[in-house]
């Protein structure tokens, strides 16, 4: 569905500045029986709202396509991720002074790793997760999870059964929601008067300055910066009162939102907005420059890979995150360049990458085939992955880290 109005402020003044082509859904991994079929593709283009300043996709894919058909992302896959969520929960428990009477709700709760951090510190928890098998996994792990999309009607049912929440988390999911007014109505209904709505997402500032364009895919409808969000929150009587910068996913922000006047606003809010303005995140000239840098990066990465192949060397990819599928499809990296991809997630092993249909195996395949180079698609977890695959490196294998500038390690 083509975007007509800004998702934040409803403006019709939108300017496209980045076109990554027609690509398949990044998490739509292909089963063996469908590997000969053509994948459905959708425009992957980013535009700027000239009124509020938010950057966003100008096309919306039906969320049922993205999240309810064998959705493969699990937040528990990496040790780095698990540690991050544990520290996240611990910090919010302290900030909000939570205890056993407090209910914590996580929207898009996945397998429940973040809620597990709250639960082990004595809080009551409830997850909301649209992917059926992911929600089932969370419930098996002892994290009560509702299999549904967030909505005002669901919020009313929860309040009638569980009461209101002291904290509502939405981690790497706020940017996935097309109807943000519906989300805010649900949050307004669910949250206690002095409760906290906590949003964590990759910061658009880091995306631009670090050339992290592979995090652009159809699930990510918005590219989050703090300043533009005010126009949305103000309409519902909410405000941002604190912001933390965290290192996960190449640089993220944790935004604390409350009803107006319920919590003292910290200096961090204006500080982060000033950083955004200084970086010209809302300036179309700067964003057009970013688009040119993306084109240049594609050329550099392809030239590096093709030169390696020209020398008769073999290349595979390690890890198959959604961001990696943006990189492969935009940069036209297919099975003529990569022999295969390896993964830890059993939800992806045995399938094929969306678009290029490159086969995905377990990491053991790396040691069996002994390729010369491994393109590290989950570059944001590079240290952990390289350590886990130290035998490959010690036997002479080399890693290629693609972002922000292709390099061999």
Protein backbone atom coordinates (compact mmCIF):
# COMPACT_ATOMS: atom_id res chain seq x y z
CA UNK A 1 0.00 0.00 0.00
CA UNK A 2 1.47 3.31 -1.12
CA UNK A 3 1.88 5.88 1.66
CA UNK A 4 -0.25 9.00 1.33
CA UNK A 5 0.16 10.58 4.78
CA UNK A 6 3.01 10.75 7.27
CA UNK A 7 2.59 8.05 9.91
CA UNK A 8 3.49 10.52 12.67
CA UNK A 9 1.83 13.85 11.79
CA UNK A 10 -0.48 12.96 8.84
CA UNK A 11 1.20 15.48 6.51
CA UNK A 12 1.03 14.84 2.75
CA UNK A 13 4.36 16.63 2.16
CA UNK A 14 6.67 13.66 1.60
CA UNK A 15 9.94 13.60 -0.38
CA UNK A 16 11.55 10.33 -1.50
CA UNK A 17 15.35 10.24 -1.19
CA UNK A 18 16.39 6.57 -1.16
CA UNK A 19 15.35 3.73 -3.47
CA UNK A 20 16.62 0.22 -2.66
CA UNK A 21 14.56 -1.34 -5.43
CA UNK A 22 11.86 -4.00 -5.47
CA UNK A 23 12.76 -6.54 -2.81
CA UNK A 24 11.08 -9.48 -1.07
CA UNK A 25 10.15 -9.35 2.61
CA UNK A 26 13.47 -9.72 4.46
CA UNK A 27 12.28 -12.48 6.80
CA UNK A 28 10.39 -14.47 4.14
CA UNK A 29 12.84 -17.39 4.03
CA UNK A 30 11.96 -19.96 1.38
CA UNK A 31 11.15 -23.62 1.96
CA UNK A 32 12.65 -26.27 -0.33
CA UNK A 33 9.41 -26.87 -2.24
CA UNK A 34 9.15 -23.18 -3.20
CA UNK A 35 12.77 -22.49 -4.15
CA UNK A 36 11.95 -22.48 -7.87
CA UNK A 37 9.16 -19.92 -7.47
CA UNK A 38 9.48 -16.16 -7.80
CA UNK A 39 9.20 -14.29 -4.51
CA UNK A 40 6.63 -11.49 -4.14
CA UNK A 41 8.50 -8.17 -4.16
CA UNK A 42 7.58 -4.73 -2.86
CA UNK A 43 9.06 -1.22 -3.23
CA UNK A 44 11.74 -0.46 -0.64
CA UNK A 45 11.92 3.34 -0.67
CA UNK A 46 12.50 5.91 2.08
CA UNK A 47 10.97 9.38 2.22
CA UNK A 48 11.20 12.40 4.48
CA UNK A 49 8.16 14.11 5.99
CA UNK A 50 8.86 17.77 5.31
CA UNK A 51 6.65 18.83 8.24
CA UNK A 52 7.62 16.71 11.28
CA UNK A 53 10.97 15.43 9.95
CA UNK A 54 10.50 11.67 10.35
CA UNK A 55 12.01 9.35 7.74
CA UNK A 56 9.83 6.40 6.77
CA UNK A 57 9.07 3.85 4.10
CA UNK A 58 6.62 5.07 1.51
CA UNK A 59 5.07 1.63 1.05
CA UNK A 60 3.38 -0.60 3.64
CA UNK A 61 3.36 -4.40 3.36
CA UNK A 62 0.45 -6.18 5.08
CA UNK A 63 1.75 -7.13 8.57
CA UNK A 64 0.05 -10.53 8.27
CA UNK A 65 2.49 -11.26 5.43
CA UNK A 66 5.47 -10.09 7.48
CA UNK A 67 4.76 -11.60 10.89
CA UNK A 68 2.34 -14.51 10.70
CA UNK A 69 3.89 -16.84 8.10
CA UNK A 70 6.82 -18.72 9.69
CA UNK A 71 8.33 -15.54 11.19
CA UNK A 72 11.94 -16.56 11.96
CA UNK A 73 13.36 -13.93 14.32
CA UNK A 74 14.13 -15.00 17.90
CA UNK A 75 15.50 -12.45 20.36
CA UNK A 76 17.29 -15.20 22.29
CA UNK A 77 19.70 -16.20 19.50
CA UNK A 78 22.82 -14.31 20.63
CA UNK A 79 24.51 -14.08 24.00
CA UNK A 80 25.00 -10.35 23.40
CA UNK A 81 21.27 -9.91 22.86
CA UNK A 82 20.31 -11.90 25.95
CA UNK A 83 22.68 -9.88 28.12
CA UNK A 84 21.34 -6.63 26.66
CA UNK A 85 17.74 -7.51 27.50
CA UNK A 86 18.66 -8.58 31.02
CA UNK A 87 20.41 -5.26 31.66
CA UNK A 88 17.49 -3.44 30.02
CA UNK A 89 14.99 -5.02 32.42
CA UNK A 90 17.21 -4.42 35.43
CA UNK A 91 17.64 -0.72 34.60
CA UNK A 92 13.90 -0.10 34.16
CA UNK A 93 13.07 -1.94 37.39
CA UNK A 94 15.37 0.48 39.20
CA UNK A 95 14.25 3.61 37.32
CA UNK A 96 10.53 2.91 37.85
CA UNK A 97 11.05 1.40 41.34
CA UNK A 98 9.03 -1.67 40.39
CA UNK A 99 7.93 -4.45 42.72
CA UNK A 100 5.77 -7.58 42.75
CA UNK A 101 2.55 -5.55 42.45
CA UNK A 102 3.61 -4.08 39.10
CA UNK A 103 2.51 -5.47 35.73
CA UNK A 104 4.94 -5.16 32.81
CA UNK A 105 3.61 -5.53 29.26
CA UNK A 106 5.85 -6.03 26.24
CA UNK A 107 4.38 -5.30 22.79
CA UNK A 108 5.99 -7.53 20.18
CA UNK A 109 7.47 -9.61 23.00
CA UNK A 110 8.96 -12.34 20.78
CA UNK A 111 10.08 -15.35 22.84
CA UNK A 112 9.94 -13.34 26.07
CA UNK A 113 13.61 -12.65 26.78
CA UNK A 114 13.02 -9.08 28.02
CA UNK A 115 9.98 -10.06 30.07
CA UNK A 116 12.07 -12.83 31.61
CA UNK A 117 14.40 -10.14 32.99
CA UNK A 118 11.44 -8.46 34.71
CA UNK A 119 9.96 -11.74 35.92
CA UNK A 120 13.15 -12.88 37.63
CA UNK A 121 13.15 -9.56 39.49
CA UNK A 122 9.68 -10.24 40.88
CA UNK A 123 7.37 -8.36 38.49
CA UNK A 124 4.19 -9.65 36.86
CA UNK A 125 4.61 -9.91 33.08
CA UNK A 126 2.49 -10.25 29.96
CA UNK A 127 3.61 -10.46 26.34
CA UNK A 128 1.74 -9.55 23.15
CA UNK A 129 3.18 -11.31 20.09
CA UNK A 130 1.52 -11.72 16.64
CA UNK A 131 3.63 -14.66 15.44
CA UNK A 132 1.88 -17.88 16.48
CA UNK A 133 4.90 -20.17 16.86
CA UNK A 134 7.00 -17.46 18.53
CA UNK A 135 4.20 -16.79 21.07
CA UNK A 136 3.89 -20.53 21.68
CA UNK A 137 7.62 -20.70 22.39
CA UNK A 138 7.33 -17.85 24.90
CA UNK A 139 4.46 -19.57 26.72
CA UNK A 140 6.49 -22.78 26.85
CA UNK A 141 9.27 -20.72 28.44
CA UNK A 142 6.90 -19.64 31.22
CA UNK A 143 6.22 -16.13 29.88
CA UNK A 144 2.46 -15.59 29.53
CA UNK A 145 1.96 -14.31 26.00
CA UNK A 146 -1.13 -13.36 23.98
CA UNK A 147 -0.92 -14.28 20.29
CA UNK A 148 -2.32 -11.16 18.65
CA UNK A 149 -1.54 -7.71 17.28
CA UNK A 150 -1.86 -4.83 19.75
CA UNK A 151 -5.18 -2.96 19.50
CA UNK A 152 -7.48 -0.82 21.63
CA UNK A 153 -9.97 -3.67 21.97
CA UNK A 154 -7.23 -6.05 23.13
CA UNK A 155 -6.02 -3.40 25.59
CA UNK A 156 -9.50 -3.14 27.14
CA UNK A 157 -9.67 -6.93 27.56
CA UNK A 158 -6.25 -6.98 29.25
CA UNK A 159 -7.20 -4.19 31.66
CA UNK A 160 -10.41 -6.01 32.62
CA UNK A 161 -8.50 -9.19 33.44
CA UNK A 162 -5.06 -8.02 34.57
CA UNK A 163 -5.39 -4.36 35.50
CA UNK A 164 -3.19 -1.60 34.14
CA UNK A 165 0.54 -1.79 33.46
CA UNK A 166 3.20 0.21 35.27
CA UNK A 167 5.54 -0.18 32.31
CA UNK A 168 4.81 -0.91 28.66
CA UNK A 169 7.84 -1.88 26.58
CA UNK A 170 8.03 -1.85 22.82
CA UNK A 171 11.50 -2.93 21.71
CA UNK A 172 12.45 -2.77 18.03
CA UNK A 173 8.71 -2.88 17.28
CA UNK A 174 7.46 0.74 17.44
CA UNK A 175 8.91 1.27 13.95
CA UNK A 176 6.96 -1.78 12.69
CA UNK A 177 3.53 -0.28 13.34
CA UNK A 178 1.72 1.52 10.55
CA UNK A 179 -1.22 2.87 12.59
CA UNK A 180 0.50 4.69 15.44
CA UNK A 181 -2.68 6.42 16.57
CA UNK A 182 -4.22 3.01 17.22
CA UNK A 183 -1.09 2.05 19.18
CA UNK A 184 -1.25 5.19 21.31
CA UNK A 185 -4.95 4.61 22.08
CA UNK A 186 -4.05 1.13 23.30
CA UNK A 187 -1.13 2.47 25.38
CA UNK A 188 -3.35 5.19 26.85
CA UNK A 189 -5.85 2.53 27.89
CA UNK A 190 -3.26 0.11 29.30
CA UNK A 191 -0.90 2.41 31.21
CA UNK A 192 -1.30 3.57 34.82
CA UNK A 193 -1.46 7.32 35.42
CA UNK A 194 2.23 7.57 36.33
CA UNK A 195 3.39 4.63 34.21
CA UNK A 196 6.20 4.55 31.66
CA UNK A 197 5.99 3.71 27.97
CA UNK A 198 9.51 2.60 27.00
CA UNK A 199 10.52 2.51 23.33
CA UNK A 200 13.85 1.08 22.19
CA UNK A 201 14.89 1.28 18.55
CA UNK A 202 17.97 1.87 16.41
CA UNK A 203 18.65 5.61 16.27
CA UNK A 204 18.30 7.15 12.82
CA UNK A 205 21.34 9.31 13.59
CA UNK A 206 23.52 6.18 13.72
CA UNK A 207 21.90 4.81 10.58
CA UNK A 208 22.87 7.94 8.65
CA UNK A 209 26.31 8.53 10.13
CA UNK A 210 27.28 4.83 10.15
CA UNK A 211 25.81 4.09 6.71
CA UNK A 212 23.70 1.35 8.28
CA UNK A 213 21.30 1.16 5.35
CA UNK A 214 20.92 -2.62 5.64
CA UNK A 215 18.56 -2.01 8.59
CA UNK A 216 16.09 -0.61 6.05
CA UNK A 217 13.54 -3.32 5.22
CA UNK A 218 9.78 -3.66 5.03
CA UNK A 219 9.27 -4.42 8.72
CA UNK A 220 10.91 -1.09 9.61
CA UNK A 221 8.34 1.46 8.52
CA UNK A 222 9.90 4.31 10.55
CA UNK A 223 13.50 5.40 11.19
CA UNK A 224 13.41 6.72 14.71
CA UNK A 225 14.66 10.08 15.91
CA UNK A 226 13.32 11.80 19.03
CA UNK A 227 12.32 15.21 17.72
CA UNK A 228 9.57 14.11 15.27
CA UNK A 229 7.85 11.88 17.84
CA UNK A 230 6.67 14.88 19.86
CA UNK A 231 3.84 15.67 17.43
CA UNK A 232 2.41 12.18 17.93
CA UNK A 233 2.77 12.01 21.71
CA UNK A 234 1.42 15.54 22.26
CA UNK A 235 -1.88 14.60 20.60
CA UNK A 236 -2.43 11.95 23.27
CA UNK A 237 -1.26 13.95 26.27
CA UNK A 238 2.12 12.22 26.48
CA UNK A 239 5.70 13.48 26.36
CA UNK A 240 9.27 12.18 26.20
CA UNK A 241 10.90 12.65 29.61
CA UNK A 242 14.18 10.74 29.29
CA UNK A 243 16.42 9.19 26.64
CA UNK A 244 19.26 6.69 27.03
CA UNK A 245 21.76 5.85 24.29
CA UNK A 246 22.66 2.14 24.09
CA UNK A 247 25.13 0.29 21.86
CA UNK A 248 22.96 -2.57 20.59
CA UNK A 249 22.29 -2.87 16.82
CA UNK A 250 24.91 -0.34 15.80
CA UNK A 251 23.59 2.32 18.19
CA UNK A 252 20.06 2.52 19.61
CA UNK A 253 18.04 4.86 21.81
CA UNK A 254 15.74 4.01 24.69
CA UNK A 255 12.97 6.59 24.86
CA UNK A 256 10.96 7.01 28.06
CA UNK A 257 7.45 8.41 27.56
CA UNK A 258 4.86 9.35 30.17
CA UNK A 259 1.66 11.34 30.58
CA UNK A 260 2.50 15.04 30.62
CA UNK A 261 3.88 16.22 33.92
CA UNK A 262 4.06 12.79 35.57
CA UNK A 263 7.87 12.55 35.48
CA UNK A 264 10.57 15.21 35.52
CA UNK A 265 12.11 15.76 32.09
CA UNK A 266 15.88 15.15 32.05
CA UNK A 267 18.51 17.13 30.14
CA UNK A 268 19.05 14.12 27.88
CA UNK A 269 15.90 14.89 25.86
CA UNK A 270 17.05 18.27 24.57
CA UNK A 271 20.62 17.02 24.26
CA UNK A 272 19.62 14.21 21.90
CA UNK A 273 17.38 16.53 19.84
CA UNK A 274 20.28 18.98 19.45
CA UNK A 275 22.48 16.11 18.24
CA UNK A 276 19.83 15.16 15.68
CA UNK A 277 19.54 18.73 14.43
CA UNK A 278 23.32 19.13 14.25
CA UNK A 279 23.52 15.94 12.16
CA UNK A 280 20.96 17.44 9.72
CA UNK A 281 18.68 14.41 10.02
CA UNK A 282 15.71 16.48 8.85
CA UNK A 283 17.49 18.13 5.92
CA UNK A 284 16.75 16.67 2.47
CA UNK A 285 20.19 17.72 1.16
CA UNK A 286 21.90 15.61 3.84
CA UNK A 287 19.60 12.69 3.12
CA UNK A 288 20.28 12.90 -0.61
CA UNK A 289 24.00 12.74 0.22
CA UNK A 290 23.29 9.60 2.28
CA UNK A 291 21.56 8.08 -0.74
CA UNK A 292 24.66 8.71 -2.87
CA UNK A 293 26.85 7.13 -0.16
CA UNK A 294 24.64 4.01 -0.26
CA UNK A 295 25.13 3.69 -4.02
CA UNK A 296 28.89 4.07 -3.56
CA UNK A 297 28.93 1.40 -0.84
CA UNK A 298 27.12 -1.08 -3.11
CA UNK A 299 29.79 -0.53 -5.79
CA UNK A 300 32.64 -0.98 -3.26
CA UNK A 301 31.22 -4.18 -1.77
CA UNK A 302 30.48 -5.76 -5.14
CA UNK A 303 33.95 -4.89 -6.44
CA UNK A 304 35.58 -6.49 -3.38
CA UNK A 305 33.56 -9.69 -3.67
CA UNK A 306 34.00 -10.00 -7.43
CA UNK A 307 37.76 -9.47 -7.11
CA UNK A 308 37.92 -12.31 -4.56
CA UNK A 309 35.95 -14.57 -6.92
CA UNK A 310 38.20 -13.56 -9.81
CA UNK A 311 41.15 -14.89 -7.77
CA UNK A 312 39.42 -18.27 -7.59
CA UNK A 313 38.57 -17.96 -3.90
CA UNK A 314 35.32 -19.16 -2.33
CA UNK A 315 32.93 -16.96 -0.34
CA UNK A 316 30.02 -17.83 1.92
CA UNK A 317 27.92 -15.71 4.26
CA UNK A 318 27.65 -16.19 8.00
CA UNK A 319 24.31 -15.44 9.69
CA UNK A 320 21.06 -14.57 7.93
CA UNK A 321 19.45 -11.61 9.72
CA UNK A 322 16.77 -9.55 7.99
CA UNK A 323 19.30 -6.74 7.50
CA UNK A 324 21.52 -9.15 5.62
CA UNK A 325 18.76 -9.84 3.14
CA UNK A 326 18.51 -6.12 2.35
CA UNK A 327 22.26 -6.08 1.74
CA UNK A 328 22.24 -9.18 -0.48
CA UNK A 329 19.26 -8.12 -2.58
CA UNK A 330 20.18 -4.45 -3.00
CA UNK A 331 23.82 -5.23 -3.77
CA UNK A 332 22.84 -8.07 -6.13
CA UNK A 333 24.87 -10.66 -4.23
CA UNK A 334 23.58 -14.05 -5.35
CA UNK A 335 24.65 -17.68 -5.64
CA UNK A 336 27.19 -16.71 -8.31
CA UNK A 337 29.10 -14.98 -5.50
CA UNK A 338 28.07 -16.85 -2.32
CA UNK A 339 28.18 -20.66 -2.15
CA UNK A 340 25.87 -20.80 0.86
CA UNK A 341 24.87 -19.10 4.14
CA UNK A 342 25.33 -20.55 7.63
CA UNK A 343 23.07 -19.91 10.63
CA UNK A 344 22.46 -20.83 14.28
CA UNK A 345 18.68 -20.46 14.10
CA UNK A 346 16.82 -23.70 13.38
CA UNK A 347 13.97 -21.58 11.98
CA UNK A 348 16.21 -20.64 9.03
CA UNK A 349 18.44 -23.71 8.54
CA UNK A 350 17.27 -25.82 5.61
CA UNK A 351 15.61 -22.88 3.88
CA UNK A 352 16.74 -20.41 1.22
CA UNK A 353 17.35 -16.68 1.39
CA UNK A 354 14.53 -14.46 0.08
CA UNK A 355 15.30 -13.11 -3.38
CA UNK A 356 18.57 -14.82 -4.29
CA UNK A 357 17.50 -18.26 -2.92
CA UNK A 358 20.93 -19.04 -1.45
CA UNK A 359 20.80 -22.24 0.67
CA UNK A 360 21.14 -21.91 4.45
CA UNK A 361 22.98 -24.51 6.51
CA UNK A 362 24.12 -24.83 10.10
CA UNK A 363 27.50 -23.39 11.07
CA UNK A 364 29.04 -26.88 10.83
CA UNK A 365 28.97 -26.48 7.05
CA UNK A 366 31.63 -23.80 7.44
CA UNK A 367 34.08 -26.34 8.86
CA UNK A 368 33.14 -29.05 6.35
CA UNK A 369 33.62 -26.91 3.24
CA UNK A 370 36.40 -24.62 4.53
CA UNK A 371 35.65 -21.58 2.33
CA UNK A 372 38.26 -18.85 2.01
CA UNK A 373 36.03 -15.93 3.05
CA UNK A 374 32.88 -15.46 5.13
CA UNK A 375 30.74 -12.36 4.62
CA UNK A 376 29.45 -11.43 8.07
CA UNK A 377 25.86 -10.27 7.60
CA UNK A 378 25.11 -9.84 11.32
CA UNK A 379 28.03 -7.41 11.57
CA UNK A 380 26.49 -5.82 14.69
CA UNK A 381 27.39 -9.03 16.57
CA UNK A 382 30.77 -9.37 14.86
CA UNK A 383 32.89 -9.86 18.00
CA UNK A 384 30.67 -12.64 19.35
CA UNK A 385 30.33 -14.44 16.02
CA UNK A 386 34.05 -14.28 15.21
CA UNK A 387 34.83 -15.64 18.67
CA UNK A 388 32.30 -18.47 18.22
CA UNK A 389 33.84 -19.33 14.84
CA UNK A 390 37.47 -18.98 15.95
CA UNK A 391 38.35 -22.41 14.48
CA UNK A 392 37.40 -21.12 11.03
CA UNK A 393 39.61 -18.07 11.48
CA UNK A 394 42.49 -20.10 12.98
CA UNK A 395 42.42 -22.45 9.98
CA UNK A 396 42.99 -19.53 7.61
CA UNK A 397 39.45 -18.36 6.93
CA UNK A 398 38.87 -14.63 6.70
CA UNK A 399 35.81 -12.55 7.56
CA UNK A 400 34.43 -9.71 5.49
CA UNK A 401 32.64 -7.06 7.54
CA UNK A 402 30.44 -5.09 5.11
CA UNK A 403 29.30 -2.06 7.14
CA UNK A 404 30.13 0.84 7.27
CA UNK A 405 32.96 0.22 4.80
CA UNK A 406 33.80 -3.26 3.46
CA UNK A 407 36.87 -4.65 5.19
CA UNK A 408 38.58 -8.01 5.61
CA UNK A 409 39.58 -9.26 9.07
